[in-house]
N, C-alpha and C. Protein backbone atom coordinates (compact mmCIF):
# COMPACT_ATOMS: atom_id res chain seq x y z
N MET A 1 23.23 10.39 -0.16
CA MET A 1 22.47 9.16 0.01
C MET A 1 22.20 8.57 -1.38
N SER A 2 22.38 7.28 -1.53
CA SER A 2 22.10 6.62 -2.79
C SER A 2 20.60 6.36 -2.92
N ILE A 3 20.21 5.86 -4.08
CA ILE A 3 18.79 5.58 -4.32
C ILE A 3 18.24 4.60 -3.29
N TYR A 4 19.08 3.67 -2.83
CA TYR A 4 18.64 2.72 -1.82
C TYR A 4 19.05 3.23 -0.45
N GLY A 5 18.34 4.25 0.01
CA GLY A 5 18.65 4.85 1.30
C GLY A 5 18.39 3.88 2.44
N ASP A 6 18.78 4.31 3.60
CA ASP A 6 18.65 3.46 4.79
C ASP A 6 17.22 2.99 5.05
N ILE A 7 16.25 3.87 4.87
CA ILE A 7 14.86 3.48 5.11
C ILE A 7 14.42 2.42 4.11
N ILE A 8 14.78 2.62 2.86
CA ILE A 8 14.42 1.66 1.81
C ILE A 8 15.03 0.30 2.12
N LEU A 9 16.31 0.29 2.45
CA LEU A 9 16.98 -0.98 2.73
C LEU A 9 16.39 -1.67 3.96
N ASP A 10 16.04 -0.89 4.97
CA ASP A 10 15.44 -1.47 6.17
C ASP A 10 14.11 -2.14 5.83
N HIS A 11 13.27 -1.45 5.08
CA HIS A 11 11.96 -2.01 4.72
C HIS A 11 12.08 -3.14 3.70
N TYR A 12 13.13 -3.14 2.92
CA TYR A 12 13.36 -4.22 1.96
C TYR A 12 13.83 -5.49 2.70
N HIS A 13 14.79 -5.34 3.57
CA HIS A 13 15.32 -6.49 4.29
C HIS A 13 14.40 -6.99 5.41
N TYR A 14 13.65 -6.07 6.01
CA TYR A 14 12.74 -6.41 7.11
C TYR A 14 11.36 -5.82 6.83
N PRO A 15 10.69 -6.30 5.80
CA PRO A 15 9.40 -5.70 5.43
C PRO A 15 8.35 -5.87 6.52
N ARG A 16 7.65 -4.81 6.77
CA ARG A 16 6.54 -4.85 7.72
C ARG A 16 5.32 -5.37 6.99
N ASN A 17 4.52 -6.16 7.66
CA ASN A 17 3.26 -6.69 7.13
C ASN A 17 3.45 -7.63 5.95
N PHE A 18 4.64 -8.22 5.83
CA PHE A 18 4.90 -9.22 4.79
C PHE A 18 4.48 -10.57 5.36
N LYS A 19 3.24 -10.94 5.04
CA LYS A 19 2.66 -12.16 5.59
C LYS A 19 1.40 -12.49 4.80
N LYS A 20 0.80 -13.59 5.13
CA LYS A 20 -0.49 -13.96 4.54
C LYS A 20 -1.55 -13.76 5.61
N LEU A 21 -2.63 -13.09 5.24
CA LEU A 21 -3.75 -12.92 6.17
C LEU A 21 -4.63 -14.15 6.10
N ASN A 22 -4.92 -14.74 7.25
CA ASN A 22 -5.81 -15.89 7.28
C ASN A 22 -7.24 -15.49 6.97
N LYS A 23 -7.63 -14.32 7.44
CA LYS A 23 -8.95 -13.79 7.15
C LYS A 23 -8.77 -12.42 6.51
N SER A 24 -9.33 -12.27 5.32
CA SER A 24 -9.24 -10.96 4.67
C SER A 24 -10.59 -10.59 4.08
N SER A 25 -10.88 -9.30 4.10
CA SER A 25 -12.10 -8.79 3.50
C SER A 25 -11.98 -8.78 1.98
N LYS A 26 -10.78 -8.44 1.50
CA LYS A 26 -10.51 -8.34 0.06
C LYS A 26 -9.05 -8.65 -0.18
N LYS A 27 -8.77 -9.09 -1.39
CA LYS A 27 -7.37 -9.26 -1.80
C LYS A 27 -7.26 -9.05 -3.30
N VAL A 28 -6.08 -8.60 -3.71
CA VAL A 28 -5.82 -8.35 -5.12
C VAL A 28 -4.39 -8.77 -5.47
N HIS A 29 -4.18 -8.95 -6.75
CA HIS A 29 -2.85 -9.25 -7.28
C HIS A 29 -2.55 -8.24 -8.38
N VAL A 30 -1.36 -7.66 -8.33
CA VAL A 30 -0.90 -6.78 -9.40
C VAL A 30 0.54 -7.15 -9.74
N ASP A 31 0.89 -6.93 -10.97
CA ASP A 31 2.28 -7.16 -11.35
C ASP A 31 2.70 -6.20 -12.43
N ASN A 32 4.00 -6.09 -12.57
CA ASN A 32 4.59 -5.28 -13.61
C ASN A 32 5.42 -6.24 -14.47
N PRO A 33 4.86 -6.69 -15.57
CA PRO A 33 5.56 -7.68 -16.39
C PRO A 33 6.86 -7.16 -17.00
N LEU A 34 7.02 -5.85 -17.06
CA LEU A 34 8.25 -5.29 -17.63
C LEU A 34 9.46 -5.49 -16.74
N CYS A 35 9.23 -5.48 -15.42
CA CYS A 35 10.37 -5.64 -14.51
C CYS A 35 10.28 -6.89 -13.65
N GLY A 36 9.11 -7.54 -13.62
CA GLY A 36 8.96 -8.76 -12.84
C GLY A 36 8.45 -8.57 -11.43
N ASP A 37 8.18 -7.33 -11.01
CA ASP A 37 7.63 -7.10 -9.68
C ASP A 37 6.21 -7.65 -9.61
N SER A 38 5.86 -8.22 -8.47
CA SER A 38 4.56 -8.83 -8.28
C SER A 38 4.15 -8.66 -6.81
N ILE A 39 2.92 -8.19 -6.59
CA ILE A 39 2.43 -7.94 -5.24
C ILE A 39 1.03 -8.54 -5.08
N ASP A 40 0.84 -9.28 -4.00
CA ASP A 40 -0.48 -9.72 -3.55
C ASP A 40 -0.76 -8.93 -2.28
N LEU A 41 -1.88 -8.22 -2.27
CA LEU A 41 -2.23 -7.38 -1.14
C LEU A 41 -3.58 -7.82 -0.60
N ALA A 42 -3.68 -7.99 0.70
CA ALA A 42 -4.92 -8.40 1.35
C ALA A 42 -5.21 -7.45 2.51
N ILE A 43 -6.49 -7.22 2.72
CA ILE A 43 -6.90 -6.28 3.76
C ILE A 43 -8.05 -6.88 4.57
N ASN A 44 -8.08 -6.56 5.84
CA ASN A 44 -9.17 -6.93 6.72
C ASN A 44 -9.72 -5.63 7.30
N VAL A 45 -10.95 -5.32 6.94
CA VAL A 45 -11.59 -4.08 7.39
C VAL A 45 -12.64 -4.44 8.44
N LYS A 46 -12.62 -3.71 9.53
CA LYS A 46 -13.61 -3.91 10.58
C LYS A 46 -14.00 -2.54 11.13
N ASP A 47 -15.29 -2.29 11.23
CA ASP A 47 -15.81 -1.03 11.74
C ASP A 47 -15.18 0.17 11.03
N ASP A 48 -15.08 0.07 9.69
CA ASP A 48 -14.55 1.14 8.84
C ASP A 48 -13.08 1.48 9.13
N HIS A 49 -12.35 0.54 9.70
CA HIS A 49 -10.92 0.71 9.96
C HIS A 49 -10.13 -0.41 9.29
N VAL A 50 -8.93 -0.10 8.88
CA VAL A 50 -8.02 -1.12 8.37
C VAL A 50 -7.50 -1.86 9.60
N GLN A 51 -8.16 -2.97 9.90
CA GLN A 51 -7.76 -3.75 11.07
C GLN A 51 -6.42 -4.42 10.83
N ASP A 52 -6.25 -4.97 9.62
CA ASP A 52 -4.99 -5.60 9.26
C ASP A 52 -4.80 -5.51 7.76
N ILE A 53 -3.58 -5.46 7.34
CA ILE A 53 -3.24 -5.42 5.93
C ILE A 53 -1.91 -6.14 5.77
N ALA A 54 -1.78 -6.87 4.69
CA ALA A 54 -0.57 -7.66 4.49
C ALA A 54 -0.28 -7.79 3.00
N PHE A 55 0.98 -8.04 2.71
CA PHE A 55 1.35 -8.26 1.32
C PHE A 55 2.33 -9.41 1.23
N GLN A 56 2.36 -9.98 0.05
CA GLN A 56 3.34 -10.98 -0.31
C GLN A 56 3.74 -10.67 -1.74
N GLY A 57 4.88 -11.15 -2.14
CA GLY A 57 5.30 -10.93 -3.51
C GLY A 57 6.79 -10.91 -3.64
N GLN A 58 7.20 -10.52 -4.82
CA GLN A 58 8.62 -10.43 -5.09
C GLN A 58 8.85 -9.20 -5.94
N GLY A 59 10.04 -8.69 -5.84
CA GLY A 59 10.36 -7.52 -6.64
C GLY A 59 11.62 -6.85 -6.15
N CYS A 60 11.86 -5.70 -6.70
CA CYS A 60 13.04 -4.93 -6.36
C CYS A 60 12.87 -4.29 -4.99
N ALA A 61 13.94 -3.73 -4.49
CA ALA A 61 13.93 -3.10 -3.18
C ALA A 61 12.90 -1.98 -3.11
N ILE A 62 12.76 -1.23 -4.18
CA ILE A 62 11.82 -0.10 -4.18
C ILE A 62 10.38 -0.58 -4.04
N SER A 63 9.97 -1.58 -4.82
CA SER A 63 8.58 -2.01 -4.76
C SER A 63 8.25 -2.67 -3.43
N LEU A 64 9.14 -3.48 -2.89
CA LEU A 64 8.87 -4.14 -1.61
C LEU A 64 8.91 -3.16 -0.45
N ALA A 65 9.84 -2.21 -0.50
CA ALA A 65 9.88 -1.19 0.55
C ALA A 65 8.64 -0.31 0.49
N SER A 66 8.20 0.01 -0.71
CA SER A 66 6.99 0.81 -0.87
C SER A 66 5.78 0.09 -0.30
N ALA A 67 5.67 -1.21 -0.55
CA ALA A 67 4.57 -2.00 0.00
C ALA A 67 4.63 -2.02 1.52
N SER A 68 5.81 -2.18 2.05
CA SER A 68 5.99 -2.20 3.50
C SER A 68 5.59 -0.86 4.12
N LEU A 69 6.08 0.22 3.54
CA LEU A 69 5.77 1.56 4.06
C LEU A 69 4.29 1.89 3.93
N LEU A 70 3.70 1.54 2.80
CA LEU A 70 2.29 1.83 2.58
C LEU A 70 1.41 1.05 3.55
N THR A 71 1.68 -0.23 3.73
CA THR A 71 0.85 -1.02 4.65
C THR A 71 1.01 -0.54 6.08
N GLU A 72 2.21 -0.15 6.43
CA GLU A 72 2.45 0.39 7.77
C GLU A 72 1.69 1.69 7.97
N TYR A 73 1.64 2.51 6.94
CA TYR A 73 0.97 3.80 7.01
C TYR A 73 -0.55 3.66 7.18
N VAL A 74 -1.17 2.75 6.44
CA VAL A 74 -2.64 2.66 6.46
C VAL A 74 -3.20 1.81 7.59
N LYS A 75 -2.40 0.95 8.14
CA LYS A 75 -2.88 0.02 9.17
C LYS A 75 -3.42 0.79 10.38
N GLY A 76 -4.66 0.45 10.75
CA GLY A 76 -5.30 1.07 11.89
C GLY A 76 -6.09 2.33 11.58
N LYS A 77 -5.93 2.86 10.38
CA LYS A 77 -6.63 4.10 10.03
C LYS A 77 -8.03 3.82 9.48
N LYS A 78 -8.87 4.85 9.51
CA LYS A 78 -10.20 4.76 8.93
C LYS A 78 -10.09 4.67 7.41
N ILE A 79 -11.00 3.93 6.82
CA ILE A 79 -11.03 3.81 5.36
C ILE A 79 -11.19 5.18 4.72
N SER A 80 -12.01 6.03 5.31
CA SER A 80 -12.21 7.37 4.75
C SER A 80 -10.93 8.19 4.74
N GLU A 81 -9.99 7.89 5.63
CA GLU A 81 -8.70 8.59 5.67
C GLU A 81 -7.74 8.12 4.58
N VAL A 82 -7.85 6.86 4.19
CA VAL A 82 -6.83 6.28 3.31
C VAL A 82 -7.30 5.95 1.90
N LYS A 83 -8.60 6.01 1.66
CA LYS A 83 -9.08 5.56 0.36
C LYS A 83 -8.67 6.49 -0.78
N ASN A 84 -8.27 7.70 -0.47
CA ASN A 84 -7.88 8.64 -1.52
C ASN A 84 -6.38 8.98 -1.50
N ILE A 85 -5.59 8.08 -0.96
CA ILE A 85 -4.14 8.30 -1.00
C ILE A 85 -3.71 8.43 -2.45
N ASP A 86 -2.92 9.44 -2.72
CA ASP A 86 -2.48 9.65 -4.10
C ASP A 86 -1.02 9.25 -4.29
N THR A 87 -0.59 9.32 -5.53
CA THR A 87 0.77 8.89 -5.85
C THR A 87 1.82 9.74 -5.14
N ASP A 88 1.56 11.02 -5.01
CA ASP A 88 2.52 11.89 -4.32
C ASP A 88 2.71 11.47 -2.87
N SER A 89 1.63 11.06 -2.22
CA SER A 89 1.72 10.61 -0.83
C SER A 89 2.60 9.37 -0.70
N VAL A 90 2.45 8.45 -1.63
CA VAL A 90 3.25 7.22 -1.60
C VAL A 90 4.72 7.55 -1.84
N LEU A 91 4.99 8.41 -2.79
CA LEU A 91 6.38 8.78 -3.08
C LEU A 91 7.00 9.53 -1.91
N LYS A 92 6.20 10.30 -1.17
CA LYS A 92 6.72 10.98 0.02
C LYS A 92 7.09 9.99 1.12
N LEU A 93 6.36 8.89 1.20
CA LEU A 93 6.70 7.86 2.19
C LEU A 93 8.10 7.31 1.95
N LEU A 94 8.46 7.17 0.68
CA LEU A 94 9.79 6.64 0.33
C LEU A 94 10.90 7.64 0.63
N ASN A 95 10.59 8.92 0.46
CA ASN A 95 11.52 9.99 0.81
C ASN A 95 12.87 9.92 0.08
N ILE A 96 12.86 9.48 -1.17
CA ILE A 96 14.06 9.49 -2.00
C ILE A 96 13.68 9.92 -3.41
N GLU A 97 14.65 10.37 -4.14
CA GLU A 97 14.44 10.75 -5.52
C GLU A 97 14.49 9.50 -6.38
N LEU A 98 13.53 9.36 -7.28
CA LEU A 98 13.44 8.17 -8.13
C LEU A 98 13.48 8.53 -9.60
N SER A 99 14.08 7.66 -10.38
CA SER A 99 14.05 7.83 -11.83
C SER A 99 12.66 7.43 -12.32
N PRO A 100 12.29 7.84 -13.52
CA PRO A 100 10.97 7.47 -14.05
C PRO A 100 10.70 5.96 -14.03
N ASN A 101 11.72 5.17 -14.32
CA ASN A 101 11.53 3.71 -14.31
C ASN A 101 11.25 3.20 -12.90
N ARG A 102 11.86 3.78 -11.91
CA ARG A 102 11.67 3.34 -10.52
C ARG A 102 10.35 3.82 -9.93
N ILE A 103 9.78 4.88 -10.47
CA ILE A 103 8.49 5.37 -9.99
C ILE A 103 7.43 4.30 -10.19
N LYS A 104 7.46 3.62 -11.32
CA LYS A 104 6.50 2.54 -11.58
C LYS A 104 6.63 1.45 -10.52
N CYS A 105 7.86 1.12 -10.13
CA CYS A 105 8.10 0.12 -9.08
C CYS A 105 7.50 0.60 -7.76
N ALA A 106 7.73 1.85 -7.44
CA ALA A 106 7.28 2.42 -6.17
C ALA A 106 5.76 2.47 -6.08
N LEU A 107 5.10 2.62 -7.22
CA LEU A 107 3.65 2.81 -7.21
C LEU A 107 2.86 1.51 -7.41
N LEU A 108 3.54 0.40 -7.61
CA LEU A 108 2.83 -0.87 -7.78
C LEU A 108 1.99 -1.23 -6.54
N PRO A 109 2.53 -1.10 -5.33
CA PRO A 109 1.69 -1.36 -4.14
C PRO A 109 0.51 -0.39 -4.03
N TRP A 110 0.71 0.85 -4.42
CA TRP A 110 -0.38 1.83 -4.42
C TRP A 110 -1.48 1.39 -5.38
N GLU A 111 -1.07 0.91 -6.56
CA GLU A 111 -2.03 0.41 -7.54
C GLU A 111 -2.87 -0.72 -6.92
N ALA A 112 -2.22 -1.63 -6.23
CA ALA A 112 -2.94 -2.72 -5.56
C ALA A 112 -3.89 -2.17 -4.50
N PHE A 113 -3.43 -1.23 -3.72
CA PHE A 113 -4.26 -0.65 -2.66
C PHE A 113 -5.48 0.06 -3.24
N MET A 114 -5.30 0.78 -4.33
CA MET A 114 -6.44 1.46 -4.97
C MET A 114 -7.45 0.45 -5.48
N LYS A 115 -6.99 -0.68 -5.99
CA LYS A 115 -7.92 -1.72 -6.41
C LYS A 115 -8.69 -2.27 -5.23
N LEU A 116 -8.05 -2.42 -4.10
CA LEU A 116 -8.77 -2.87 -2.89
C LEU A 116 -9.84 -1.86 -2.50
N MET A 117 -9.54 -0.60 -2.62
CA MET A 117 -10.47 0.44 -2.19
C MET A 117 -11.65 0.59 -3.14
N THR A 118 -11.51 0.19 -4.39
CA THR A 118 -12.61 0.36 -5.35
C THR A 118 -13.40 -0.91 -5.58
N ASN A 119 -12.91 -2.04 -5.14
CA ASN A 119 -13.64 -3.32 -5.34
C ASN A 119 -14.53 -3.63 -4.16
């Protein structure tokens, strides 16, 4: 399997939760100026659950697939379950081996999510 495995390509071409939330509890913007990846992440929390989460942005297949997988993973879960997601958990969602340069791409959505959880 190449670096752009089937799951990555599926989430890149058909990203889940790639939309704008009309109502959001919080939103953040993060970017990686070195590669040009940019993610806007918005969340709607209700009764301590991630009722909805969405992202918009541009970037490589890894960063957009990571955002898609991460939003799909946290949607509907309790905040207490997802607020401490670590980098290893995000990389496991991708389920591919990444070079050091690509790890930064993969973790950009996680960086945005952590900012949502701490603000």
